[in-house]
């Protein structure tokens, strides 16, 4: 099983939903007590929201990229940004 890196905390409630849904799919696919191998990096949403509000998408993309690299260094083989709004920076990340 591959390890998933989750960039979360935008908000923690959405991170919780992504985590739950991913694990439900893993259990459905593999059965029994299986769950996803994942690493979560949770950001302080207050900082992210301020940058979003100011339209600082390039800064947000750099932040998400640096977090993705940290997750990769920790063993993540794929990255998920646990937020719908951050799709604006996803391609650059």
Protein backbone atom coordinates (compact mmCIF):
# COMPACT_ATOMS: atom_id res chain seq x y z
CA UNK A 1 0.00 0.00 0.00
CA UNK A 2 1.29 3.46 -0.86
CA UNK A 3 1.51 6.25 1.71
CA UNK A 4 -0.69 9.32 1.17
CA UNK A 5 0.37 12.77 2.33
CA UNK A 6 -2.54 14.94 3.42
CA UNK A 7 -2.15 18.71 3.59
CA UNK A 8 -4.83 19.56 6.09
CA UNK A 9 -6.06 22.12 8.53
CA UNK A 10 -8.01 24.17 5.96
CA UNK A 11 -10.17 23.74 8.00
CA UNK A 12 -9.58 20.83 10.37
CA UNK A 13 -13.20 19.84 9.73
CA UNK A 14 -12.50 19.30 6.04
CA UNK A 15 -9.33 17.38 6.89
CA UNK A 16 -11.41 15.10 9.08
CA UNK A 17 -13.80 14.45 6.19
CA UNK A 18 -11.01 13.65 3.71
CA UNK A 19 -9.41 11.30 6.25
CA UNK A 20 -12.74 9.58 6.92
CA UNK A 21 -13.65 9.18 3.24
CA UNK A 22 -10.20 7.89 2.26
CA UNK A 23 -10.28 5.30 5.05
CA UNK A 24 -13.82 4.22 4.19
CA UNK A 25 -12.73 3.57 0.60
CA UNK A 26 -9.66 1.63 1.73
CA UNK A 27 -11.76 -0.53 4.05
CA UNK A 28 -14.36 -1.10 1.31
CA UNK A 29 -11.67 -2.11 -1.17
CA UNK A 30 -9.44 -4.20 1.12
CA UNK A 31 -11.90 -5.26 3.81
CA UNK A 32 -11.43 -6.27 7.42
CA UNK A 33 -9.55 -3.71 9.51
CA UNK A 34 -7.54 -2.08 6.72
CA UNK A 35 -7.00 1.66 6.76
CA UNK A 36 -4.97 4.11 4.71
CA UNK A 37 -1.28 4.65 5.34
CA UNK A 38 -1.11 8.41 5.55
CA UNK A 39 0.80 11.34 6.98
CA UNK A 40 -1.12 14.50 7.87
CA UNK A 41 0.44 17.96 7.95
CA UNK A 42 -2.05 20.34 9.50
CA UNK A 43 -1.66 24.08 8.95
CA UNK A 44 -3.06 26.95 10.98
CA UNK A 45 -6.07 27.92 8.87
CA UNK A 46 -6.08 31.51 10.18
CA UNK A 47 -2.86 32.25 8.27
CA UNK A 48 -4.11 30.49 5.13
CA UNK A 49 -7.48 32.28 5.21
CA UNK A 50 -5.79 35.69 5.48
CA UNK A 51 -3.71 34.94 2.39
CA UNK A 52 -6.78 33.67 0.53
CA UNK A 53 -8.74 36.79 1.43
CA UNK A 54 -5.89 38.98 0.12
CA UNK A 55 -5.65 36.96 -3.12
CA UNK A 56 -2.11 35.78 -2.38
CA UNK A 57 -2.42 32.54 -4.35
CA UNK A 58 1.25 32.43 -5.35
CA UNK A 59 2.29 32.61 -1.68
CA UNK A 60 -0.24 29.91 -0.86
CA UNK A 61 1.09 27.72 -3.65
CA UNK A 62 4.63 28.14 -2.28
CA UNK A 63 3.38 27.24 1.21
CA UNK A 64 1.55 24.15 -0.07
CA UNK A 65 4.59 23.13 -2.13
CA UNK A 66 6.91 23.37 0.88
CA UNK A 67 4.48 21.25 2.91
CA UNK A 68 4.17 18.72 0.08
CA UNK A 69 7.97 18.39 0.00
CA UNK A 70 8.04 17.81 3.76
CA UNK A 71 5.41 15.10 3.38
CA UNK A 72 7.40 13.55 0.54
CA UNK A 73 10.53 13.58 2.71
CA UNK A 74 8.50 11.82 5.42
CA UNK A 75 7.57 9.04 2.97
CA UNK A 76 4.40 10.22 1.22
CA UNK A 77 4.06 8.87 -2.31
CA UNK A 78 1.10 11.06 -3.25
CA UNK A 79 -0.31 14.35 -1.98
CA UNK A 80 -3.90 15.41 -1.26
CA UNK A 81 -4.81 18.99 -0.39
CA UNK A 82 -7.78 18.66 1.98
CA UNK A 83 -9.62 21.72 0.72
CA UNK A 84 -11.83 22.64 -2.20
CA UNK A 85 -10.75 26.30 -2.24
CA UNK A 86 -7.06 25.50 -2.59
CA UNK A 87 -7.71 24.06 -6.06
CA UNK A 88 -6.57 27.47 -7.26
CA UNK A 89 -3.01 26.57 -6.24
CA UNK A 90 -3.12 22.82 -6.86
CA UNK A 91 -1.60 22.82 -10.36
CA UNK A 92 1.44 24.79 -9.21
CA UNK A 93 1.88 22.50 -6.20
